[in-house]
Amino acid sequence: MPRCADSGPSQAKPLGPPGALSTPYTSRGTMSFRTTDGTATTSDNDYVAKTGTPTFAPGETTKTITIAVTGDNKKEPDEYFYLDLFGNSNALFTKNRGIGTILNDD
């Protein structure tokens, strides 16, 4: 599970949950993703929502998806958000949801 420290106000740090295919394919494939609030929310400026559709080259099985985490000085517990995978084309993945954890370091 990817984790990133919340490091003070206005310091966005990337958090990179990987997107991975279960097996390499011989032709190009795609999968779509979107972030979804958990205890970390975009309305509280914990992270920046993101969507996308990475393309996997033949034989490629992983992509890094970078999510910007926004720092603050709030004393709060560690928080998490989800990374949902869907809409695959010529690609098969075994999990359709990942979790990104934002560690509170205030």
N, C-alpha and C. Protein backbone atom coordinates (compact mmCIF):
# COMPACT_ATOMS: atom_id res chain seq x y z
N MET A 1 0.85 -1.17 0.00
CA MET A 1 0.00 0.00 0.00
C MET A 1 0.90 1.23 0.00
N PRO A 2 0.82 2.08 -1.01
CA PRO A 2 1.63 3.29 -1.08
C PRO A 2 1.27 4.27 0.03
N ARG A 3 2.30 4.96 0.54
CA ARG A 3 2.07 5.92 1.61
C ARG A 3 2.90 7.16 1.36
N CYS A 4 2.41 8.30 1.85
CA CYS A 4 3.11 9.57 1.70
C CYS A 4 2.84 10.40 2.94
N ALA A 5 3.86 11.10 3.46
CA ALA A 5 3.67 11.97 4.62
C ALA A 5 3.03 13.28 4.21
N ASP A 6 2.15 13.78 5.06
CA ASP A 6 1.51 15.09 4.92
C ASP A 6 2.48 16.08 5.55
N SER A 7 3.17 16.88 4.76
CA SER A 7 4.32 17.64 5.24
C SER A 7 4.12 19.14 5.31
N GLY A 8 3.12 19.60 6.00
CA GLY A 8 2.95 21.03 6.19
C GLY A 8 2.16 21.67 5.07
N PRO A 9 1.75 22.92 5.28
CA PRO A 9 0.87 23.59 4.34
C PRO A 9 1.50 23.82 2.97
N SER A 10 0.65 23.79 1.98
CA SER A 10 0.96 24.09 0.58
C SER A 10 2.17 23.33 0.03
N GLN A 11 2.42 22.15 0.54
CA GLN A 11 3.49 21.33 -0.01
C GLN A 11 2.86 20.08 -0.62
N ALA A 12 2.63 20.10 -1.90
CA ALA A 12 2.06 18.94 -2.58
C ALA A 12 3.16 17.92 -2.82
N LYS A 13 2.91 16.69 -2.43
CA LYS A 13 3.86 15.60 -2.66
C LYS A 13 3.17 14.52 -3.46
N PRO A 14 3.89 13.89 -4.36
CA PRO A 14 3.26 12.84 -5.16
C PRO A 14 3.15 11.52 -4.39
N LEU A 15 2.09 10.81 -4.64
CA LEU A 15 1.90 9.47 -4.11
C LEU A 15 1.65 8.59 -5.31
N GLY A 16 2.40 7.54 -5.46
CA GLY A 16 2.33 6.76 -6.70
C GLY A 16 1.88 5.33 -6.55
N PRO A 17 0.57 5.07 -6.38
CA PRO A 17 0.12 3.68 -6.42
C PRO A 17 0.33 3.12 -7.82
N PRO A 18 0.87 1.91 -7.93
CA PRO A 18 1.09 1.36 -9.26
C PRO A 18 -0.18 0.81 -9.87
N GLY A 19 -0.29 0.92 -11.18
CA GLY A 19 -1.31 0.20 -11.93
C GLY A 19 -0.61 -0.96 -12.60
N ALA A 20 -1.11 -2.17 -12.42
CA ALA A 20 -0.39 -3.33 -12.94
C ALA A 20 -1.35 -4.30 -13.61
N LEU A 21 -0.89 -4.84 -14.73
CA LEU A 21 -1.63 -5.90 -15.41
C LEU A 21 -1.19 -7.23 -14.83
N SER A 22 -2.07 -8.21 -14.89
CA SER A 22 -1.76 -9.52 -14.32
C SER A 22 -0.80 -10.33 -15.20
N THR A 23 -0.73 -10.00 -16.47
CA THR A 23 0.14 -10.73 -17.38
C THR A 23 0.52 -9.83 -18.56
N PRO A 24 1.71 -9.98 -19.14
CA PRO A 24 2.05 -9.17 -20.30
C PRO A 24 1.24 -9.60 -21.53
N TYR A 25 0.88 -8.65 -22.36
CA TYR A 25 0.15 -8.94 -23.59
C TYR A 25 1.04 -8.62 -24.79
N THR A 26 0.68 -9.17 -25.94
CA THR A 26 1.48 -8.96 -27.14
C THR A 26 1.03 -7.75 -27.94
N SER A 27 -0.07 -7.12 -27.54
CA SER A 27 -0.52 -5.90 -28.20
C SER A 27 -0.83 -4.84 -27.14
N ARG A 28 -1.01 -3.60 -27.60
CA ARG A 28 -1.26 -2.50 -26.68
C ARG A 28 -2.56 -2.71 -25.90
N GLY A 29 -2.58 -2.22 -24.66
CA GLY A 29 -3.78 -2.30 -23.84
C GLY A 29 -3.93 -1.04 -23.01
N THR A 30 -5.13 -0.79 -22.55
CA THR A 30 -5.39 0.38 -21.71
C THR A 30 -6.23 -0.02 -20.51
N MET A 31 -6.19 0.83 -19.49
CA MET A 31 -7.10 0.73 -18.36
C MET A 31 -7.35 2.15 -17.89
N SER A 32 -8.52 2.41 -17.39
CA SER A 32 -8.84 3.74 -16.87
C SER A 32 -8.78 3.72 -15.36
N PHE A 33 -8.55 4.89 -14.77
CA PHE A 33 -8.52 4.99 -13.31
C PHE A 33 -9.17 6.29 -12.87
N ARG A 34 -9.57 6.31 -11.60
CA ARG A 34 -10.06 7.52 -10.97
C ARG A 34 -9.80 7.41 -9.47
N THR A 35 -9.56 8.54 -8.83
CA THR A 35 -9.45 8.56 -7.37
C THR A 35 -10.85 8.69 -6.78
N THR A 36 -11.02 8.12 -5.60
CA THR A 36 -12.29 8.19 -4.88
C THR A 36 -11.98 8.47 -3.42
N ASP A 37 -12.72 9.39 -2.82
CA ASP A 37 -12.50 9.73 -1.41
C ASP A 37 -12.68 8.53 -0.49
N GLY A 38 -11.81 8.46 0.51
CA GLY A 38 -11.97 7.57 1.65
C GLY A 38 -12.06 8.51 2.84
N THR A 39 -11.19 8.32 3.85
CA THR A 39 -11.13 9.30 4.93
C THR A 39 -10.41 10.55 4.48
N ALA A 40 -9.53 10.45 3.49
CA ALA A 40 -8.94 11.62 2.84
C ALA A 40 -9.93 12.10 1.79
N THR A 41 -10.16 13.40 1.74
CA THR A 41 -11.15 13.93 0.81
C THR A 41 -10.58 15.10 0.01
N THR A 42 -11.11 15.28 -1.19
CA THR A 42 -10.71 16.43 -1.99
C THR A 42 -11.33 17.70 -1.43
N SER A 43 -12.51 17.59 -0.81
CA SER A 43 -13.17 18.78 -0.25
C SER A 43 -12.40 19.36 0.94
N ASP A 44 -11.60 18.51 1.62
CA ASP A 44 -10.75 18.97 2.72
C ASP A 44 -9.33 19.25 2.24
N ASN A 45 -9.13 19.23 0.92
CA ASN A 45 -7.82 19.49 0.30
C ASN A 45 -6.74 18.53 0.77
N ASP A 46 -7.09 17.27 0.99
CA ASP A 46 -6.10 16.27 1.39
C ASP A 46 -5.27 15.80 0.19
N TYR A 47 -5.91 15.71 -0.97
CA TYR A 47 -5.23 15.28 -2.20
C TYR A 47 -5.97 15.88 -3.38
N VAL A 48 -5.37 15.78 -4.56
CA VAL A 48 -5.98 16.31 -5.78
C VAL A 48 -6.56 15.14 -6.58
N ALA A 49 -7.86 15.21 -6.86
CA ALA A 49 -8.52 14.15 -7.62
C ALA A 49 -7.89 14.01 -9.00
N LYS A 50 -7.89 12.79 -9.51
CA LYS A 50 -7.28 12.56 -10.81
C LYS A 50 -7.98 11.40 -11.52
N THR A 51 -8.07 11.51 -12.84
CA THR A 51 -8.55 10.42 -13.68
C THR A 51 -7.58 10.29 -14.84
N GLY A 52 -7.61 9.16 -15.50
CA GLY A 52 -6.74 8.98 -16.66
C GLY A 52 -6.92 7.61 -17.29
N THR A 53 -6.23 7.42 -18.40
CA THR A 53 -6.27 6.15 -19.12
C THR A 53 -4.87 5.85 -19.66
N PRO A 54 -4.03 5.20 -18.85
CA PRO A 54 -2.69 4.86 -19.33
C PRO A 54 -2.74 3.77 -20.41
N THR A 55 -1.77 3.81 -21.31
CA THR A 55 -1.63 2.80 -22.35
C THR A 55 -0.41 1.94 -22.04
N PHE A 56 -0.61 0.65 -22.10
CA PHE A 56 0.47 -0.31 -21.88
C PHE A 56 1.00 -0.78 -23.23
N ALA A 57 2.29 -0.66 -23.41
CA ALA A 57 2.93 -1.16 -24.63
C ALA A 57 2.96 -2.69 -24.57
N PRO A 58 3.09 -3.37 -25.71
CA PRO A 58 3.21 -4.82 -25.69
C PRO A 58 4.32 -5.27 -24.74
N GLY A 59 4.01 -6.21 -23.85
CA GLY A 59 4.97 -6.72 -22.89
C GLY A 59 5.05 -5.93 -21.59
N GLU A 60 4.54 -4.72 -21.56
CA GLU A 60 4.59 -3.87 -20.36
C GLU A 60 3.49 -4.28 -19.38
N THR A 61 3.81 -4.34 -18.09
CA THR A 61 2.82 -4.77 -17.10
C THR A 61 2.56 -3.75 -15.99
N THR A 62 3.35 -2.69 -15.87
CA THR A 62 3.12 -1.72 -14.79
C THR A 62 3.18 -0.29 -15.30
N LYS A 63 2.45 0.58 -14.63
CA LYS A 63 2.46 2.02 -14.85
C LYS A 63 2.41 2.67 -13.48
N THR A 64 3.11 3.79 -13.29
CA THR A 64 3.00 4.54 -12.05
C THR A 64 1.97 5.64 -12.25
N ILE A 65 1.03 5.70 -11.33
CA ILE A 65 0.00 6.72 -11.34
C ILE A 65 0.29 7.65 -10.17
N THR A 66 0.61 8.89 -10.45
CA THR A 66 1.02 9.83 -9.41
C THR A 66 -0.16 10.72 -9.01
N ILE A 67 -0.44 10.74 -7.71
CA ILE A 67 -1.51 11.56 -7.15
C ILE A 67 -0.87 12.62 -6.25
N ALA A 68 -1.25 13.88 -6.44
CA ALA A 68 -0.70 14.97 -5.61
C ALA A 68 -1.38 14.99 -4.25
N VAL A 69 -0.56 14.93 -3.20
CA VAL A 69 -1.04 15.00 -1.82
C VAL A 69 -0.74 16.39 -1.29
N THR A 70 -1.74 17.04 -0.71
CA THR A 70 -1.60 18.41 -0.24
C THR A 70 -1.35 18.43 1.26
N GLY A 71 -0.27 19.07 1.69
CA GLY A 71 0.08 19.13 3.11
C GLY A 71 -0.74 20.16 3.87
N ASP A 72 -0.85 19.94 5.17
CA ASP A 72 -1.49 20.89 6.06
C ASP A 72 -0.87 20.74 7.45
N ASN A 73 -1.28 21.57 8.38
CA ASN A 73 -0.77 21.50 9.74
C ASN A 73 -1.81 20.97 10.71
N LYS A 74 -2.83 20.29 10.22
CA LYS A 74 -3.87 19.74 11.08
C LYS A 74 -3.36 18.51 11.81
N LYS A 75 -3.71 18.40 13.07
CA LYS A 75 -3.42 17.18 13.82
C LYS A 75 -4.60 16.25 13.57
N GLU A 76 -4.35 15.21 12.79
CA GLU A 76 -5.40 14.28 12.42
C GLU A 76 -4.78 12.91 12.21
N PRO A 77 -5.59 11.87 12.24
CA PRO A 77 -5.03 10.53 12.01
C PRO A 77 -4.60 10.37 10.55
N ASP A 78 -3.85 9.30 10.27
CA ASP A 78 -3.52 8.97 8.89
C ASP A 78 -4.84 8.82 8.12
N GLU A 79 -4.82 9.19 6.85
CA GLU A 79 -6.02 9.14 6.03
C GLU A 79 -5.73 8.34 4.76
N TYR A 80 -6.79 7.91 4.10
CA TYR A 80 -6.61 7.14 2.87
C TYR A 80 -7.62 7.56 1.82
N PHE A 81 -7.28 7.29 0.56
CA PHE A 81 -8.19 7.44 -0.57
C PHE A 81 -8.05 6.19 -1.43
N TYR A 82 -8.96 6.02 -2.35
CA TYR A 82 -8.94 4.85 -3.23
C TYR A 82 -8.51 5.23 -4.64
N LEU A 83 -7.93 4.27 -5.32
CA LEU A 83 -7.64 4.38 -6.74
C LEU A 83 -8.39 3.24 -7.41
N ASP A 84 -9.45 3.58 -8.14
CA ASP A 84 -10.29 2.58 -8.80
C ASP A 84 -9.85 2.39 -10.24
N LEU A 85 -9.72 1.13 -10.67
CA LEU A 85 -9.34 0.76 -12.03
C LEU A 85 -10.57 0.18 -12.73
N PHE A 86 -10.78 0.57 -14.00
CA PHE A 86 -11.96 0.10 -14.72
C PHE A 86 -11.74 0.28 -16.22
N GLY A 87 -12.69 -0.16 -17.02
CA GLY A 87 -12.71 0.12 -18.46
C GLY A 87 -11.49 -0.37 -19.20
N ASN A 88 -11.06 -1.57 -18.94
CA ASN A 88 -9.86 -2.06 -19.60
C ASN A 88 -10.14 -2.48 -21.04
N SER A 89 -9.12 -2.30 -21.86
CA SER A 89 -9.16 -2.72 -23.25
C SER A 89 -7.90 -3.53 -23.54
N ASN A 90 -8.07 -4.81 -23.86
CA ASN A 90 -6.95 -5.71 -24.12
C ASN A 90 -6.01 -5.77 -22.91
N ALA A 91 -6.60 -5.74 -21.71
CA ALA A 91 -5.82 -5.78 -20.48
C ALA A 91 -6.63 -6.49 -19.41
N LEU A 92 -5.96 -7.20 -18.55
CA LEU A 92 -6.61 -7.90 -17.46
C LEU A 92 -5.87 -7.57 -16.18
N PHE A 93 -6.58 -7.10 -15.16
CA PHE A 93 -5.95 -6.86 -13.87
C PHE A 93 -6.73 -7.61 -12.81
N THR A 94 -6.03 -8.04 -11.75
CA THR A 94 -6.64 -8.90 -10.75
C THR A 94 -7.31 -8.11 -9.62
N LYS A 95 -6.93 -6.87 -9.43
CA LYS A 95 -7.56 -6.03 -8.41
C LYS A 95 -8.07 -4.77 -9.09
N ASN A 96 -9.26 -4.33 -8.72
CA ASN A 96 -9.80 -3.12 -9.33
C ASN A 96 -9.82 -1.93 -8.38
N ARG A 97 -9.24 -2.09 -7.18
CA ARG A 97 -9.17 -0.97 -6.23
C ARG A 97 -7.87 -1.04 -5.45
N GLY A 98 -7.17 0.11 -5.42
CA GLY A 98 -5.98 0.25 -4.60
C GLY A 98 -6.24 1.30 -3.53
N ILE A 99 -5.39 1.32 -2.51
CA ILE A 99 -5.53 2.28 -1.42
C ILE A 99 -4.24 3.08 -1.30
N GLY A 100 -4.36 4.41 -1.25
CA GLY A 100 -3.23 5.29 -0.99
C GLY A 100 -3.38 5.85 0.42
N THR A 101 -2.34 5.77 1.23
CA THR A 101 -2.39 6.24 2.60
C THR A 101 -1.58 7.53 2.76
N ILE A 102 -2.16 8.53 3.37
CA ILE A 102 -1.49 9.80 3.67
C ILE A 102 -1.16 9.76 5.14
N LEU A 103 0.14 9.72 5.47
CA LEU A 103 0.58 9.66 6.86
C LEU A 103 0.60 11.07 7.46
N ASN A 104 0.00 11.23 8.62
CA ASN A 104 0.04 12.53 9.29
C ASN A 104 1.37 12.66 10.01
N ASP A 105 2.10 13.72 9.74
CA ASP A 105 3.38 13.92 10.42
C ASP A 105 3.41 15.24 11.19
N ASP A 106 2.23 15.79 11.50
CA ASP A 106 2.16 17.05 12.25
C ASP A 106 2.21 16.78 13.75
